[in-house]
Amino acid sequence: MSVPRIAVSQAPYSREVDVALHRVVSHMRQAASHGVDIIVFPEWFMGLNPVEIVPNRYTEKIGRLAKELNLVVICGSLRVLDSDTGKKQQRGLVIERDGTIIGSQAKILFQPTERPWFEPGTNVAPIATSWGRVVILLGLDATDANIWAEAANLRPDLVVMAASARSAPERNQLQELSVTRSLEVGATVILSPLLGRFGGLSYNGGAVIAHRGRIISSAEEAEILLMAQDPKAPLIQLGAVDVSCYVPLSPPPKGMLVDPKRTLGPEAEKKILFDWGALKTSDLLAAGRELLLQVQGNPRWLALAPAKPTMIRDLSTLLNEGAVGAFAYPGLDGITPYSESIRELGQVMTLYRRPLMVHAGPGVASLRYDSPLLWDDFLLEFPTVPVVLLHMGGRSPYLEEALLLAERHSQVWLETSQAPLSAIKEALTLTTDRVLFGSGGLARDFATEWDKIRQLEPDIAPDEYQNVIHNNALRLFFSSPAVTEPRPGTLRVFRQPS
């Protein structure tokens, strides 16, 4: 089955219904232009729309456009007139790709000020769409434990929390709840909040998409349309790929790990995980499997296998079990990159057609093992093995050696963490297709490296910048043979209805 791409509209509330409708149309067209399959709107996305039976002139216009653009539209609450009781309700709607309204959900719980005006719904019901079973929880329904229990029993593929926060603490609580519930129900949960002033109150956005306990992407207080720009991505993404996310697994220092529940913004995006400590253990297989365990359930994270020259069989096992490449630091074992045991490593990497990330420049090993030029013989013998030089050598003279290797060998890739900005700019004069953004350190180091790489944006072409922060890594790691087929334990996001 194919996997849907989702967009979440987060735009300020508009009092004028026609203005709000114009924005809805604009966001639908923007989403469709990026290949999105599903677009989600927040509660009150049409403001104080006229209370009418649906379908009406507003929903019909959205439906016609949904058919034209081949989009599934999930609407936040609209004020509607129930055709049976004649009473007002707040309802979320789902409009299919053919433009028809295939289901709706009435809000069940109301604030005291709302109760005199609306008839509550009685239960939660799933809506069967072309992408799976959708449940919509409006306002207070999204935070009620009993309603969530009812929703979980429906085995949804997607739950939309059309709820809004009036303060930063409330926003954080809703975001945390969306992540927790996504883990509990084993599904994808979208927090789709209102932004701006409404009814005399200010709402501050904070859209989130979470999948089985992991934040996939998020936005804070901004008028923004989050959408999929990567046709291969199962959910939305903001564009950053961290190719060297260091996750120390044993022992894990408190506060240093990447916390998928609290990682927001660019840091919530695609990551390649590794752990130098794994190279110091005697049980390489267990350490590698622990890394693979970290990425299960998050389709945006991948792991590298630890590679020790004396444990080639374990490396092959880990590559078979889903590692998308390997990381090596032969200097830790007092071995040079041109030794016979490293040749065996090259033979394995050639067989599996996976990239090898290597430490380059000063580190904890003796300096006589850290020179990037020591990899020249390996590169000559194994020209089909992509070799990623971590830190681009780090400092002179190793920086110059790394740049020389990249100029001399087309399979050399340069990772930017801890490298000075001037060196990264020089690398981009050699190639814009083999420079990779990475944090190269602990979770606390991401912000420093991201702020550094953002300084490149005004000085290079937009497509070159996207190559550095996203496209190059996507091509090298996410398009590798390891991820062309689902890995054992890899979780698909939606199930097509049978």
Protein backbone atom coordinates (compact mmCIF):
# COMPACT_ATOMS: atom_id res chain seq x y z
CA MET A 1 0.00 0.00 0.00
CA SER A 2 1.05 3.59 -0.45
CA VAL A 3 1.61 5.90 2.51
CA PRO A 4 -0.19 9.27 2.70
CA ARG A 5 1.45 12.64 2.97
CA ILE A 6 -0.29 14.98 5.39
CA ALA A 7 -0.53 18.76 5.61
CA VAL A 8 -1.75 20.69 8.65
CA SER A 9 -3.11 24.18 8.16
CA GLN A 10 -2.33 26.53 11.02
CA ALA A 11 -3.50 30.02 10.14
CA PRO A 12 -4.85 32.86 12.29
CA TYR A 13 -8.58 32.93 12.95
CA SER A 14 -10.56 35.22 10.67
CA ARG A 15 -13.86 36.78 11.64
CA GLU A 16 -14.95 37.11 8.01
CA VAL A 17 -16.24 33.81 6.66
CA ASP A 18 -15.34 34.64 3.05
CA VAL A 19 -11.79 35.53 4.08
CA ALA A 20 -11.51 32.26 5.98
CA LEU A 21 -12.85 30.31 2.99
CA HIS A 22 -10.33 32.02 0.71
CA ARG A 23 -7.52 30.89 3.04
CA VAL A 24 -8.88 27.34 3.06
CA VAL A 25 -8.83 27.28 -0.74
CA SER A 26 -5.32 28.73 -0.82
CA HIS A 27 -3.96 26.17 1.64
CA MET A 28 -5.60 23.29 -0.20
CA ARG A 29 -3.94 24.38 -3.45
CA GLN A 30 -0.57 24.81 -1.73
CA ALA A 31 -0.84 21.36 -0.22
CA ALA A 32 -1.82 19.75 -3.51
CA SER A 33 1.10 21.43 -5.29
CA HIS A 34 3.43 19.53 -2.95
CA GLY A 35 1.80 16.16 -3.50
CA VAL A 36 -0.13 16.05 -0.24
CA ASP A 37 -2.87 13.43 0.17
CA ILE A 38 -4.62 14.66 3.34
CA ILE A 39 -5.04 18.20 4.65
CA VAL A 40 -6.24 18.89 8.20
CA PHE A 41 -7.82 22.16 9.37
CA PRO A 42 -8.19 23.27 13.02
CA GLU A 43 -11.34 23.96 15.00
CA TRP A 44 -13.19 27.14 14.03
CA PHE A 45 -11.20 27.20 10.78
CA MET A 46 -14.20 28.91 9.13
CA GLY A 47 -14.77 31.28 12.04
CA LEU A 48 -18.40 31.91 13.01
CA ASN A 49 -19.80 30.32 9.89
CA PRO A 50 -23.56 30.54 9.30
CA VAL A 51 -25.44 27.77 11.08
CA GLU A 52 -26.79 25.65 8.22
CA ILE A 53 -27.49 22.03 7.36
CA VAL A 54 -24.59 20.37 5.55
CA PRO A 55 -23.82 20.13 2.74
CA ASN A 56 -24.09 23.84 2.12
CA ARG A 57 -22.44 26.39 -0.15
CA TYR A 58 -19.23 26.40 1.91
CA THR A 59 -18.75 22.67 2.23
CA GLU A 60 -19.71 22.19 -1.42
CA LYS A 61 -16.98 24.58 -2.54
CA ILE A 62 -14.43 22.75 -0.40
CA GLY A 63 -15.74 19.44 -1.78
CA ARG A 64 -15.44 20.54 -5.41
CA LEU A 65 -11.86 21.63 -4.80
CA ALA A 66 -11.06 18.39 -2.93
CA LYS A 67 -12.21 16.46 -6.01
CA GLU A 68 -10.24 18.70 -8.35
CA LEU A 69 -7.05 18.33 -6.27
CA ASN A 70 -7.59 14.67 -5.25
CA LEU A 71 -7.36 15.57 -1.55
CA VAL A 72 -8.94 14.16 1.59
CA VAL A 73 -9.98 17.14 3.74
CA ILE A 74 -10.45 16.81 7.51
CA CYS A 75 -12.28 19.87 8.80
CA GLY A 76 -12.16 21.22 12.33
CA SER A 77 -15.43 22.17 13.96
CA LEU A 78 -18.12 23.89 11.94
CA ARG A 79 -21.37 25.24 13.32
CA VAL A 80 -24.09 23.12 11.72
CA LEU A 81 -27.83 22.60 12.04
CA ASP A 82 -28.77 19.00 12.78
CA SER A 83 -31.32 17.95 10.17
CA ASP A 84 -33.14 15.63 12.61
CA THR A 85 -33.33 17.65 15.82
CA GLY A 86 -33.09 21.15 14.36
CA LYS A 87 -30.53 22.03 17.04
CA LYS A 88 -27.11 23.55 16.64
CA GLN A 89 -24.06 21.31 16.81
CA GLN A 90 -20.33 21.64 16.36
CA ARG A 91 -19.15 19.03 13.92
CA GLY A 92 -15.89 17.98 12.33
CA LEU A 93 -16.25 16.74 8.74
CA VAL A 94 -14.27 14.44 6.47
CA ILE A 95 -14.49 15.13 2.76
CA GLU A 96 -13.19 12.37 0.50
CA ARG A 97 -11.14 12.73 -2.67
CA ASP A 98 -14.29 12.55 -4.76
CA GLY A 99 -15.62 15.66 -3.01
CA THR A 100 -18.32 13.95 -0.94
CA ILE A 101 -18.79 14.28 2.82
CA ILE A 102 -18.27 10.72 4.04
CA GLY A 103 -18.63 11.28 7.76
CA SER A 104 -18.77 13.74 10.62
CA GLN A 105 -18.24 13.86 14.35
CA ALA A 106 -20.35 15.94 16.73
CA LYS A 107 -18.59 17.56 19.68
CA ILE A 108 -19.57 15.87 22.94
CA LEU A 109 -18.23 18.09 25.75
CA PHE A 110 -18.70 21.86 25.94
CA GLN A 111 -17.47 24.76 28.01
CA PRO A 112 -20.19 26.18 30.33
CA THR A 113 -20.60 29.22 28.08
CA GLU A 114 -21.22 26.98 25.05
CA ARG A 115 -23.72 24.55 26.56
CA PRO A 116 -26.86 26.67 26.07
CA TRP A 117 -26.14 27.00 22.37
CA PHE A 118 -25.22 23.50 21.19
CA GLU A 119 -26.61 20.00 21.23
CA PRO A 120 -23.87 17.56 22.30
CA GLY A 121 -23.01 14.41 20.42
CA THR A 122 -23.47 11.05 22.10
CA ASN A 123 -20.49 8.95 21.11
CA VAL A 124 -17.30 8.76 19.04
CA ALA A 125 -17.47 6.98 15.70
CA PRO A 126 -14.75 6.12 13.17
CA ILE A 127 -14.91 7.51 9.67
CA ALA A 128 -13.68 5.10 6.99
CA THR A 129 -11.63 6.97 4.41
CA SER A 130 -9.51 5.86 1.47
CA TRP A 131 -6.50 6.13 3.80
CA GLY A 132 -7.87 4.36 6.85
CA ARG A 133 -10.10 4.87 9.89
CA VAL A 134 -10.21 8.48 11.11
CA VAL A 135 -11.45 9.69 14.50
CA ILE A 136 -12.02 13.41 15.18
CA LEU A 137 -11.98 14.75 18.74
CA LEU A 138 -13.13 18.35 19.07
CA GLY A 139 -12.18 20.75 21.85
CA LEU A 140 -12.62 19.22 25.32
CA ASP A 141 -13.27 15.82 23.77
CA ALA A 142 -9.56 15.67 22.89
CA THR A 143 -8.53 15.80 26.55
CA ASP A 144 -11.17 13.58 28.14
CA ALA A 145 -9.83 10.19 29.29
CA ASN A 146 -13.15 8.36 28.84
CA ILE A 147 -13.61 9.61 25.29
CA TRP A 148 -10.03 8.61 24.48
CA ALA A 149 -10.70 5.12 25.83
CA GLU A 150 -13.72 4.91 23.55
CA ALA A 151 -11.64 6.13 20.60
CA ALA A 152 -8.88 3.59 21.28
CA ASN A 153 -11.38 0.73 21.10
CA LEU A 154 -12.22 1.81 17.56
CA ARG A 155 -8.66 0.98 16.41
CA PRO A 156 -8.19 4.19 14.42
CA ASP A 157 -5.38 4.77 11.95
CA LEU A 158 -5.51 8.53 12.48
CA VAL A 159 -6.87 10.66 15.32
CA VAL A 160 -7.30 14.41 14.89
CA MET A 161 -7.23 16.43 18.10
CA ALA A 162 -8.93 19.67 17.05
CA ALA A 163 -8.13 21.36 20.36
CA SER A 164 -6.54 24.73 21.12
CA ALA A 165 -4.32 26.19 23.84
CA ARG A 166 -4.46 29.68 25.36
CA SER A 167 -0.99 29.63 26.93
CA ALA A 168 2.41 28.05 26.47
CA PRO A 169 1.85 25.58 29.36
CA GLU A 170 -1.51 24.53 27.87
CA ARG A 171 0.13 24.11 24.47
CA ASN A 172 2.87 21.95 25.98
CA GLN A 173 0.29 19.80 27.75
CA LEU A 174 -1.67 19.26 24.53
CA GLN A 175 1.50 18.39 22.63
CA GLU A 176 2.57 15.94 25.30
CA LEU A 177 -0.92 14.42 25.34
CA SER A 178 -0.89 13.94 21.56
CA VAL A 179 2.39 12.03 21.80
CA THR A 180 1.27 9.92 24.76
CA ARG A 181 -2.06 9.03 23.17
CA SER A 182 -0.40 8.14 19.87
CA LEU A 183 1.63 5.55 21.77
CA GLU A 184 -1.37 4.22 23.69
CA VAL A 185 -3.63 3.79 20.66
CA GLY A 186 -0.82 2.69 18.33
CA ALA A 187 -1.76 5.22 15.68
CA THR A 188 -0.94 8.62 14.23
CA VAL A 189 -2.30 11.59 16.20
CA ILE A 190 -2.53 15.12 14.80
CA LEU A 191 -2.90 18.08 17.14
CA SER A 192 -4.61 20.69 14.98
CA PRO A 193 -5.07 23.87 17.06
CA LEU A 194 -6.43 27.33 16.44
CA LEU A 195 -4.08 30.29 16.15
CA GLY A 196 -4.94 33.91 16.89
CA ARG A 197 -7.72 35.70 18.78
CA PHE A 198 -11.21 34.27 18.96
CA GLY A 199 -14.08 35.05 21.30
CA GLY A 200 -11.97 37.52 23.25
CA LEU A 201 -9.23 34.90 23.90
CA SER A 202 -5.81 34.39 22.32
CA TYR A 203 -4.81 30.95 21.04
CA ASN A 204 -1.21 30.16 20.28
CA GLY A 205 -1.14 27.22 17.87
CA GLY A 206 1.42 24.45 18.36
CA ALA A 207 0.44 21.87 15.72
CA VAL A 208 2.00 18.42 16.16
CA ILE A 209 1.99 15.15 14.28
CA ALA A 210 2.95 12.18 16.46
CA HIS A 211 3.17 8.52 15.56
CA ARG A 212 3.25 5.79 18.21
CA GLY A 213 4.98 7.88 20.84
CA ARG A 214 7.23 9.85 18.51
CA ILE A 215 6.93 13.45 17.38
CA ILE A 216 7.16 13.49 13.59
CA SER A 217 6.93 17.24 13.16
CA SER A 218 5.58 20.35 14.81
CA ALA A 219 5.06 24.10 14.56
CA GLU A 220 4.77 26.76 17.21
CA GLU A 221 3.28 30.26 16.98
CA ALA A 222 3.39 30.99 13.28
CA GLU A 223 1.01 31.22 10.37
CA ILE A 224 2.23 28.14 8.62
CA LEU A 225 1.10 25.29 6.43
CA LEU A 226 3.07 22.21 7.36
CA MET A 227 3.27 19.84 4.44
CA ALA A 228 5.17 16.96 2.89
CA GLN A 229 7.90 18.09 0.51
CA ASP A 230 9.49 14.66 0.30
CA PRO A 231 7.36 12.27 -1.78
CA LYS A 232 8.94 9.30 0.01
CA ALA A 233 8.24 10.59 3.52
CA PRO A 234 5.35 8.92 5.35
CA LEU A 235 4.44 12.16 7.13
CA ILE A 236 5.27 15.84 7.02
CA GLN A 237 8.82 17.10 7.43
CA LEU A 238 10.50 20.46 7.79
CA GLY A 239 13.58 19.58 5.76
CA ALA A 240 16.49 18.73 8.10
CA VAL A 241 18.39 15.45 8.14
CA ASP A 242 20.92 14.96 10.93
CA VAL A 243 23.35 12.36 9.57
CA SER A 244 25.39 12.03 12.76
CA CYS A 245 23.09 11.97 15.78
CA TYR A 246 25.20 10.63 18.63
CA VAL A 247 23.08 8.61 21.06
CA PRO A 248 25.19 7.18 23.91
CA LEU A 249 23.33 4.03 24.88
CA SER A 250 25.42 2.59 27.70
CA PRO A 251 25.49 4.12 30.13
CA PRO A 252 23.09 6.86 29.00
CA PRO A 253 24.06 10.14 30.70
CA LYS A 254 21.01 11.84 32.14
CA GLY A 255 19.66 14.63 29.96
CA MET A 256 21.91 13.85 27.02
CA LEU A 257 19.73 11.56 24.92
CA VAL A 258 17.48 12.58 22.07
CA ASP A 259 13.99 12.50 23.55
CA PRO A 260 11.58 11.83 20.67
CA LYS A 261 8.66 13.06 22.78
CA ARG A 262 10.16 16.48 23.39
CA THR A 263 12.17 17.03 20.23
CA LEU A 264 10.54 19.81 18.22
CA GLY A 265 11.24 21.84 15.09
CA PRO A 266 14.14 20.84 12.83
CA GLU A 267 15.50 18.53 15.52
CA ALA A 268 12.40 16.37 15.18
CA GLU A 269 13.25 15.48 11.62
CA LYS A 270 15.17 12.63 10.01
CA LYS A 271 18.15 11.31 11.96
CA ILE A 272 20.92 8.77 11.49
CA LEU A 273 21.85 7.37 14.91
CA PHE A 274 25.21 6.03 16.08
CA ASP A 275 27.12 5.48 19.34
CA TRP A 276 30.93 5.60 19.59
CA GLY A 277 30.69 3.72 22.86
CA ALA A 278 29.45 0.67 20.95
CA LEU A 279 32.95 0.32 19.47
CA LYS A 280 34.40 -0.18 22.95
CA THR A 281 32.13 -3.06 23.93
CA SER A 282 32.94 -6.73 23.57
CA ASP A 283 29.34 -7.49 22.52
CA LEU A 284 29.12 -5.52 19.30
CA LEU A 285 25.98 -7.33 18.17
CA ALA A 286 24.02 -6.36 21.29
CA ALA A 287 25.15 -2.74 21.02
CA GLY A 288 24.14 -2.57 17.36
CA ARG A 289 20.76 -4.11 18.05
CA GLU A 290 20.15 -1.55 20.79
CA LEU A 291 20.66 1.18 18.18
CA LEU A 292 18.25 -0.55 15.81
CA LEU A 293 15.74 -0.76 18.65
CA GLN A 294 15.91 3.02 19.07
CA VAL A 295 14.65 3.60 15.51
CA GLN A 296 11.85 1.05 15.48
CA GLY A 297 8.50 2.78 15.40
CA ASN A 298 9.93 6.01 13.98
CA PRO A 299 9.99 5.92 10.17
CA ARG A 300 12.16 9.04 10.13
CA TRP A 301 15.08 7.62 12.10
CA LEU A 302 17.68 5.12 10.89
CA ALA A 303 20.69 3.57 12.57
CA LEU A 304 24.28 2.80 11.63
CA ALA A 305 25.95 -0.42 12.70
CA PRO A 306 29.15 -0.29 14.76
CA ALA A 307 32.00 -1.72 12.67
CA LYS A 308 35.11 -3.23 14.27
CA PRO A 309 37.73 -4.81 12.03
CA THR A 310 37.81 -7.93 14.23
CA MET A 311 34.03 -8.44 14.24
CA ILE A 312 33.06 -8.52 10.57
CA ARG A 313 30.44 -11.24 11.03
CA ASP A 314 28.54 -9.08 13.54
CA LEU A 315 28.59 -6.19 11.06
CA SER A 316 27.03 -8.38 8.37
CA THR A 317 24.32 -9.48 10.79
CA LEU A 318 23.44 -5.89 11.71
CA LEU A 319 23.33 -4.81 8.07
CA ASN A 320 20.96 -7.69 7.37
CA GLU A 321 18.79 -6.63 10.31
CA GLY A 322 18.26 -3.07 9.04
CA ALA A 323 21.29 -0.87 9.62
CA VAL A 324 21.63 1.55 6.70
CA GLY A 325 25.39 1.78 6.95
CA ALA A 326 28.23 1.50 9.43
CA PHE A 327 30.48 3.72 11.53
CA ALA A 328 34.11 2.96 12.29
CA TYR A 329 37.03 4.39 14.24
CA PRO A 330 39.87 1.88 13.69
CA GLY A 331 42.29 4.10 15.61
CA LEU A 332 40.52 3.04 18.82
CA ASP A 333 41.98 -0.44 18.24
CA GLY A 334 45.36 0.85 17.08
CA ILE A 335 44.61 -0.11 13.48
CA THR A 336 45.36 2.00 10.42
CA PRO A 337 42.75 2.38 7.63
CA TYR A 338 45.06 0.63 5.16
CA SER A 339 45.46 -2.54 7.24
CA GLU A 340 44.28 -5.96 6.07
CA SER A 341 41.41 -6.06 8.59
CA ILE A 342 40.02 -2.78 7.22
CA ARG A 343 40.16 -4.31 3.73
CA GLU A 344 37.79 -6.98 5.03
CA LEU A 345 35.49 -4.22 6.25
CA GLY A 346 35.59 -2.66 2.78
CA GLN A 347 34.63 -5.98 1.20
CA VAL A 348 31.53 -6.21 3.43
CA MET A 349 30.48 -2.63 2.70
CA THR A 350 30.93 -3.23 -1.03
CA LEU A 351 28.75 -6.32 -0.83
CA TYR A 352 25.93 -4.46 0.98
CA ARG A 353 26.33 -1.18 -0.96
CA ARG A 354 26.05 0.90 2.21
CA PRO A 355 27.91 4.05 3.34
CA LEU A 356 30.66 3.97 5.95
CA MET A 357 31.03 6.89 8.37
CA VAL A 358 34.56 7.22 9.76
CA HIS A 359 36.14 9.44 12.37
CA ALA A 360 38.48 11.95 10.73
CA GLY A 361 40.79 14.33 12.57
CA PRO A 362 41.84 14.60 16.22
CA GLY A 363 39.95 12.35 18.60
CA VAL A 364 40.57 10.06 21.52
CA ALA A 365 42.89 7.79 19.54
CA SER A 366 46.54 8.49 18.87
CA LEU A 367 47.02 11.24 16.27
CA ARG A 368 48.97 8.87 14.01
CA TYR A 369 45.69 7.02 13.31
CA ASP A 370 43.50 10.10 12.75
CA SER A 371 44.81 11.56 9.49
CA PRO A 372 42.11 11.48 6.77
CA LEU A 373 44.81 10.79 4.17
CA LEU A 374 45.28 7.34 5.71
CA TRP A 375 42.00 6.38 4.00
CA ASP A 376 43.40 7.02 0.52
CA ASP A 377 44.37 3.37 -0.15
CA PHE A 378 40.97 2.17 1.07
CA LEU A 379 39.21 4.63 -1.26
CA LEU A 380 41.29 3.51 -4.21
CA GLU A 381 40.55 -0.18 -3.56
CA PHE A 382 36.82 0.23 -2.79
CA PRO A 383 35.57 2.98 -5.12
CA THR A 384 31.88 1.99 -4.74
CA VAL A 385 31.80 2.40 -0.94
CA PRO A 386 30.58 5.88 0.08
CA VAL A 387 32.81 7.10 2.91
CA VAL A 388 31.55 9.93 5.14
CA LEU A 389 34.34 11.87 6.86
CA LEU A 390 32.97 12.98 10.23
CA HIS A 391 33.76 16.61 11.15
CA MET A 392 35.48 17.10 7.74
CA GLY A 393 38.70 16.48 9.68
CA GLY A 394 37.80 19.01 12.37
CA ARG A 395 40.80 21.36 12.15
CA SER A 396 43.93 22.04 10.15
CA PRO A 397 45.83 20.26 8.72
CA TYR A 398 43.16 17.53 8.77
CA LEU A 399 40.59 19.82 7.16
CA GLU A 400 42.82 20.29 4.14
CA GLU A 401 43.38 16.53 3.94
CA ALA A 402 39.63 15.87 4.01
CA LEU A 403 39.02 18.41 1.25
CA LEU A 404 41.79 16.83 -0.81
CA LEU A 405 40.21 13.40 -0.47
CA ALA A 406 36.81 14.77 -1.49
CA GLU A 407 38.39 16.34 -4.56
CA ARG A 408 40.32 13.18 -5.41
CA HIS A 409 37.59 10.57 -4.73
CA SER A 410 33.97 10.94 -5.84
CA GLN A 411 32.77 8.58 -3.10
CA VAL A 412 33.93 10.85 -0.28
CA TRP A 413 31.23 12.76 1.61
CA LEU A 414 31.93 15.55 4.09
CA GLU A 415 29.95 15.86 7.34
CA THR A 416 29.81 19.37 8.80
CA SER A 417 29.71 18.99 12.60
CA GLN A 418 32.53 20.80 14.43
CA ALA A 419 33.93 22.02 11.11
CA PRO A 420 34.38 25.80 10.78
CA LEU A 421 31.97 27.60 8.51
CA SER A 422 34.82 28.74 6.26
CA ALA A 423 35.80 25.13 5.60
CA ILE A 424 32.20 24.17 4.79
CA LYS A 425 32.02 27.01 2.27
CA GLU A 426 35.25 25.80 0.70
CA ALA A 427 33.84 22.28 0.51
CA LEU A 428 30.82 23.62 -1.36
CA THR A 429 33.12 25.06 -4.02
CA LEU A 430 34.29 21.49 -4.66
CA THR A 431 30.88 19.81 -4.55
CA THR A 432 27.37 20.70 -3.42
CA ASP A 433 26.24 17.08 -3.74
CA ARG A 434 28.45 15.46 -1.07
CA VAL A 435 28.25 17.85 1.89
CA LEU A 436 26.04 16.60 4.76
CA PHE A 437 24.63 18.40 7.79
CA GLY A 438 25.17 16.59 11.07
CA SER A 439 25.14 17.40 14.76
CA GLY A 440 27.98 14.97 15.43
CA GLY A 441 27.45 15.00 19.18
CA LEU A 442 24.95 14.80 21.99
CA ALA A 443 21.40 16.14 21.88
CA ARG A 444 22.58 19.42 23.41
CA ASP A 445 24.91 19.99 20.44
CA PHE A 446 22.17 20.07 17.80
CA ALA A 447 21.20 23.71 18.31
CA THR A 448 24.80 24.88 17.97
CA GLU A 449 25.36 22.99 14.73
CA TRP A 450 21.97 23.99 13.32
CA ASP A 451 22.59 27.68 14.04
CA LYS A 452 25.96 27.36 12.30
CA ILE A 453 24.60 25.73 9.16
CA ARG A 454 21.77 28.27 8.94
CA GLN A 455 24.43 30.94 8.35
CA LEU A 456 25.06 29.36 4.96
CA GLU A 457 21.54 30.05 3.70
CA PRO A 458 22.03 33.68 2.55
CA ASP A 459 25.30 32.89 0.76
CA ILE A 460 24.38 29.90 -1.42
CA ALA A 461 21.61 29.03 -3.84
CA PRO A 462 18.39 27.65 -2.28
CA ASP A 463 18.79 24.27 -3.98
CA GLU A 464 22.38 23.98 -2.73
CA TYR A 465 21.26 24.76 0.83
CA GLN A 466 18.53 22.12 0.61
CA ASN A 467 21.13 19.66 -0.62
CA VAL A 468 23.28 20.26 2.46
CA ILE A 469 20.51 20.02 5.07
CA HIS A 470 18.30 17.43 3.40
CA ASN A 471 18.64 16.13 -0.15
CA ASN A 472 22.18 14.74 -0.04
CA ALA A 473 21.50 12.72 3.09
CA LEU A 474 18.16 11.56 1.72
CA ARG A 475 19.92 10.23 -1.35
CA LEU A 476 22.76 8.60 0.57
CA PHE A 477 20.89 7.00 3.48
CA PHE A 478 17.13 6.99 2.95
CA SER A 479 17.37 5.73 -0.63
CA SER A 480 19.85 2.99 0.21
CA PRO A 481 19.04 -0.69 -0.36
CA ALA A 482 18.42 -1.00 3.39
CA VAL A 483 15.25 1.08 3.21
CA THR A 484 13.81 0.23 -0.18
CA GLU A 485 11.92 -2.60 1.54
CA PRO A 486 10.35 -2.43 5.03
CA ARG A 487 12.75 -3.54 7.75
CA PRO A 488 11.68 -6.03 10.41
CA GLY A 489 9.90 -4.01 13.06
CA THR A 490 9.43 -0.97 10.83
CA LEU A 491 5.97 0.48 11.42
CA ARG A 492 3.72 1.56 8.59
CA VAL A 493 1.54 4.54 9.40
CA PHE A 494 -1.79 3.77 7.78
CA ARG A 495 -3.69 0.70 6.71
CA GLN A 496 -5.87 0.81 3.64
CA PRO A 497 -9.41 -0.28 4.44
CA SER A 498 -10.13 -3.76 3.12
